[in-house]
Protein backbone atom coordinates (compact mmCIF):
# COMPACT_ATOMS: atom_id res chain seq x y z
CA UNK A 1 100.41 92.17 84.00
CA UNK A 2 103.25 94.57 84.77
CA UNK A 3 103.86 95.14 81.03
CA UNK A 4 100.14 95.93 80.70
CA UNK A 5 100.48 98.53 83.38
CA UNK A 6 103.56 100.02 81.72
CA UNK A 7 101.92 100.17 78.35
CA UNK A 8 98.67 101.48 79.68
CA UNK A 9 100.51 104.50 81.35
CA UNK A 10 99.45 103.24 84.92
CA UNK A 11 102.35 103.90 87.34
CA UNK A 12 103.17 101.61 90.37
CA UNK A 13 103.18 104.74 92.64
CA UNK A 14 99.31 104.86 92.05
CA UNK A 15 96.98 102.89 94.49
CA UNK A 16 94.90 101.28 91.68
CA UNK A 17 97.96 99.96 89.74
CA UNK A 18 99.53 98.63 93.05
CA UNK A 19 96.41 96.77 94.01
CA UNK A 20 95.77 95.56 90.45
CA UNK A 21 99.28 94.11 90.27
CA UNK A 22 99.13 92.41 93.48
CA UNK A 23 95.75 90.84 92.90
CA UNK A 24 96.21 89.73 89.32
CA UNK A 25 99.81 88.60 89.83
CA UNK A 26 98.42 85.95 92.14
CA UNK A 27 96.04 84.75 89.58
CA UNK A 28 98.69 83.31 87.34
CA UNK A 29 97.37 80.55 84.90
CA UNK A 30 93.81 81.87 85.32
CA UNK A 31 91.77 84.27 83.49
CA UNK A 32 89.91 85.99 86.21
CA UNK A 33 91.34 86.32 89.90
CA UNK A 34 89.64 84.48 92.72
CA UNK A 35 88.46 85.80 95.94
CA UNK A 36 91.30 83.86 97.58
CA UNK A 37 93.74 85.98 95.54
CA UNK A 38 92.62 89.07 97.45
CA UNK A 39 94.67 88.79 100.59
CA UNK A 40 94.60 92.03 102.95
CA UNK A 41 98.08 91.10 104.17
CA UNK A 42 99.44 90.98 100.58
CA UNK A 43 97.51 94.22 99.74
CA UNK A 44 99.17 95.81 102.76
CA UNK A 45 98.61 99.45 103.60
CA UNK A 46 96.49 99.98 100.57
CA UNK A 47 93.68 97.65 102.17
CA UNK A 48 92.10 100.63 103.96
CA UNK A 49 91.17 102.01 100.51
CA UNK A 50 89.64 98.76 99.40
CA UNK A 51 86.29 97.02 99.51
CA UNK A 52 84.82 93.59 98.62
CA UNK A 53 81.46 93.08 97.24
CA UNK A 54 79.63 89.97 96.89
CA UNK A 55 77.80 90.02 93.48
CA UNK A 56 74.12 89.11 93.53
CA UNK A 57 71.31 89.46 91.00
CA UNK A 58 69.81 91.87 90.60
CA UNK A 59 73.05 93.86 91.06
CA UNK A 60 71.48 96.36 93.57
CA UNK A 61 71.16 93.33 95.89
CA UNK A 62 74.90 92.83 95.98
CA UNK A 63 76.50 93.16 99.42
CA UNK A 64 79.62 94.32 100.98
CA UNK A 65 81.90 91.70 102.51
CA UNK A 66 84.25 94.33 103.78
CA UNK A 67 84.89 97.85 103.39
CA UNK A 68 88.22 99.55 104.29
CA UNK A 69 88.21 102.49 106.62
CA UNK A 70 89.14 105.06 103.95
CA UNK A 71 86.13 103.99 101.93
CA UNK A 72 83.45 103.74 104.59
CA UNK A 73 81.23 106.86 104.79
CA UNK A 74 81.66 108.63 108.25
CA UNK A 75 79.78 106.81 111.22
CA UNK A 76 78.52 104.10 108.90
CA UNK A 77 79.19 100.36 108.93
CA UNK A 78 78.66 98.82 105.65
CA UNK A 79 80.20 95.36 106.13
CA UNK A 80 77.52 92.78 105.47
CA UNK A 81 75.06 95.52 104.16
CA UNK A 82 73.51 95.49 100.61
CA UNK A 83 75.31 98.08 98.39
CA UNK A 84 72.13 100.31 97.99
CA UNK A 85 72.79 101.48 101.49
CA UNK A 86 76.08 103.17 100.40
CA UNK A 87 75.38 106.84 99.52
CA UNK A 88 75.96 107.51 95.70
CA UNK A 89 77.70 110.64 96.40
CA UNK A 90 80.59 109.02 98.30
CA UNK A 91 83.74 107.87 96.66
CA UNK A 92 82.66 104.23 97.10
CA UNK A 93 79.24 105.04 95.83
CA UNK A 94 80.75 106.70 92.76
CA UNK A 95 82.72 103.51 92.07
CA UNK A 96 79.81 101.11 92.51
CA UNK A 97 78.07 102.73 89.71
CA UNK A 98 80.51 100.63 87.40
CA UNK A 99 79.81 97.29 89.36
CA UNK A 100 77.38 95.98 86.66
CA UNK A 101 79.64 96.88 83.69
CA UNK A 102 82.71 95.22 85.36
CA UNK A 103 80.80 92.01 86.19
CA UNK A 104 78.88 91.78 82.79
CA UNK A 105 82.07 92.43 80.64
CA UNK A 106 84.29 90.40 83.03
CA UNK A 107 86.62 93.35 82.85
CA UNK A 108 88.67 95.31 85.38
CA UNK A 109 87.93 98.99 85.01
CA UNK A 110 89.80 102.19 86.12
CA UNK A 111 87.65 105.18 86.49
CA UNK A 112 88.67 108.75 87.32
CA UNK A 113 86.87 111.95 87.81
CA UNK A 114 85.86 114.94 89.75
CA UNK A 115 82.88 114.99 92.20
CA UNK A 116 81.70 116.34 95.51
CA UNK A 117 82.36 113.96 98.53
CA UNK A 118 81.12 115.00 101.80
CA UNK A 119 80.46 118.44 100.69
CA UNK A 120 84.10 118.97 99.40
CA UNK A 121 85.25 118.73 95.78
CA UNK A 122 87.57 115.90 94.99
CA UNK A 123 89.61 114.16 92.17
CA UNK A 124 89.52 110.35 92.40
CA UNK A 125 90.67 107.32 90.83
CA UNK A 126 89.15 103.97 91.26
CA UNK A 127 89.52 100.29 90.31
CA UNK A 128 87.18 97.46 90.03
CA UNK A 129 88.42 93.94 89.46
CA UNK A 130 85.93 91.05 89.03
CA UNK A 131 86.65 87.91 90.91
CA UNK A 132 85.50 84.38 90.05
CA UNK A 133 85.99 81.05 91.69
CA UNK A 134 85.32 79.00 88.57
CA UNK A 135 86.79 81.45 85.89
CA UNK A 136 83.29 81.78 84.52
CA UNK A 137 80.63 83.27 86.90
CA UNK A 138 81.64 86.57 88.48
CA UNK A 139 80.87 86.09 92.34
CA UNK A 140 82.57 89.19 93.84
CA UNK A 141 84.31 92.29 92.88
CA UNK A 142 87.45 94.09 94.56
CA UNK A 143 87.22 97.85 94.63
CA UNK A 144 90.24 100.10 95.33
CA UNK A 145 89.81 103.83 95.28
CA UNK A 146 91.39 107.08 96.58
CA UNK A 147 90.88 110.73 96.19
CA UNK A 148 92.24 114.08 97.12
CA UNK A 149 90.81 117.40 97.70
CA UNK A 150 90.59 119.80 94.86
CA UNK A 151 93.07 122.83 95.31
CA UNK A 152 91.93 126.38 95.21
CA UNK A 153 93.69 127.05 91.85
CA UNK A 154 92.11 123.89 90.28
CA UNK A 155 88.75 123.86 88.56
CA UNK A 156 87.85 120.54 87.25
CA UNK A 157 84.75 119.61 85.39
CA UNK A 158 82.45 117.34 87.32
CA UNK A 159 81.94 113.71 86.04
CA UNK A 160 83.80 110.67 85.53
CA UNK A 161 85.39 108.86 82.76
CA UNK A 162 86.46 105.29 82.20
CA UNK A 163 90.11 105.58 81.45
CA UNK A 164 91.04 101.91 81.22
CA UNK A 165 89.39 98.48 80.66
CA UNK A 166 90.93 94.98 80.37
CA UNK A 167 88.74 92.12 79.40
CA UNK A 168 89.55 88.92 81.25
CA UNK A 169 89.21 85.69 79.42
CA UNK A 170 90.28 86.92 75.89
CA UNK A 171 92.87 84.74 74.22
CA UNK A 172 95.34 87.32 73.93
CA UNK A 173 94.46 89.27 76.99
CA UNK A 174 94.62 92.67 75.25
CA UNK A 175 93.83 95.85 77.03
CA UNK A 176 91.98 98.57 75.47
CA UNK A 177 92.30 102.23 76.81
CA UNK A 178 89.04 103.97 77.13
CA UNK A 179 88.55 107.69 76.97
CA UNK A 180 84.94 108.56 76.64
CA UNK A 181 83.15 110.31 79.23
CA UNK A 182 80.35 108.66 81.14
């Protein structure tokens, strides 16, 4: 997996690549990581930027198992709540827009973009990793995301784009970079 990160241009200094490496590194011999592979202690300091979502049908009824402090909207507790209670304009809400795609395609996704979060412009990068207990059905997803405020001299265009996707379960395990805007 570290070769994949190197080839894809993801660097270990980035939250998304650190979390991805830690989770998929524990899934050796399986196509899709399990929920047991997501260990807050192993993820370490990055855990505050992570969330676990139990996947349900319809997807809107999926619910949060846990939401790290840096992803939780102010004065809101989302642990145990359905995902529709998360404001779509927050960093976590922006990432949840890709939950169905990650689950349906059995792919980890890296998304980046510019948006308004809590009335301030941000640049963000997020990761969604599908999790499966039986290597078939996606029962949960791990989300890792972080952002930074846009500087005065920066003028990014709002929107998001899928920058990387890796489909689990393929015989060769190839990764396909994505560059189209969504």
